[in-house]
Amino acid sequence: MTKDRQHGNRGGIPPGLKPVRTRIIIETELARMADGIGSTTSVPVILGSVRD
């Protein structure tokens, strides 16, 4: 039996924890990954957003 099953956690957010500023966290991590890819491959990386 896995630890998650023992505690009844099925991959969701544990009780008592809430996502805070999820968009900021995702954007920060994507920028970090893009910087790593750009520096490793010497290919310029352009970040932006798409608007409808």
Protein backbone atom coordinates (compact mmCIF):
# COMPACT_ATOMS: atom_id res chain seq x y z
CA MET A 1 0.00 0.00 0.00
CA THR A 2 1.42 3.39 -0.96
CA LYS A 3 1.79 6.27 1.42
CA ASP A 4 -0.89 8.25 -0.49
CA ARG A 5 -3.40 5.46 -0.10
CA GLN A 6 -2.66 5.13 3.60
CA HIS A 7 -3.58 8.76 4.13
CA GLY A 8 -6.47 8.87 1.70
CA ASN A 9 -4.77 11.41 -0.60
CA ARG A 10 -5.62 10.76 -4.23
CA GLY A 11 -3.31 13.30 -5.83
CA GLY A 12 -5.31 16.36 -4.88
CA ILE A 13 -4.30 19.25 -2.71
CA PRO A 14 -3.82 18.11 0.88
CA PRO A 15 -6.43 19.43 3.32
CA GLY A 16 -5.49 22.83 4.68
CA LEU A 17 -3.39 23.86 1.66
CA LYS A 18 -4.69 26.13 -1.08
CA PRO A 19 -2.99 27.18 -4.31
CA VAL A 20 -1.81 30.76 -3.99
CA ARG A 21 -1.11 32.85 -7.05
CA THR A 22 -1.04 29.80 -9.29
CA ARG A 23 -0.67 31.87 -12.46
CA ILE A 24 2.42 33.66 -11.12
CA ILE A 25 4.02 30.37 -10.09
CA ILE A 26 3.38 28.82 -13.52
CA GLU A 27 4.65 31.89 -15.41
CA THR A 28 7.78 32.03 -13.25
CA GLU A 29 8.56 28.36 -13.82
CA LEU A 30 7.96 28.62 -17.57
CA ALA A 31 10.32 31.61 -17.74
CA ARG A 32 12.93 29.69 -15.73
CA MET A 33 12.68 26.70 -18.07
CA ALA A 34 12.84 28.93 -21.15
CA ASP A 35 15.97 30.65 -19.82
CA GLY A 36 17.58 27.25 -19.23
CA ILE A 37 16.72 26.05 -22.73
CA GLY A 38 17.93 29.30 -24.28
CA SER A 39 21.26 29.26 -22.48
CA THR A 40 21.87 25.58 -23.21
CA THR A 41 21.00 25.74 -26.91
CA SER A 42 22.06 29.34 -27.65
CA VAL A 43 18.66 29.82 -29.31
CA PRO A 44 16.81 33.04 -28.43
CA VAL A 45 13.63 32.40 -26.51
CA ILE A 46 10.71 34.80 -26.82
CA LEU A 47 8.00 34.78 -24.16
CA GLY A 48 4.67 36.47 -24.64
CA SER A 49 0.97 36.00 -24.47
CA VAL A 50 -1.80 35.44 -26.97
CA ARG A 51 -4.89 37.62 -26.78
CA ASP A 52 -8.23 36.86 -28.38
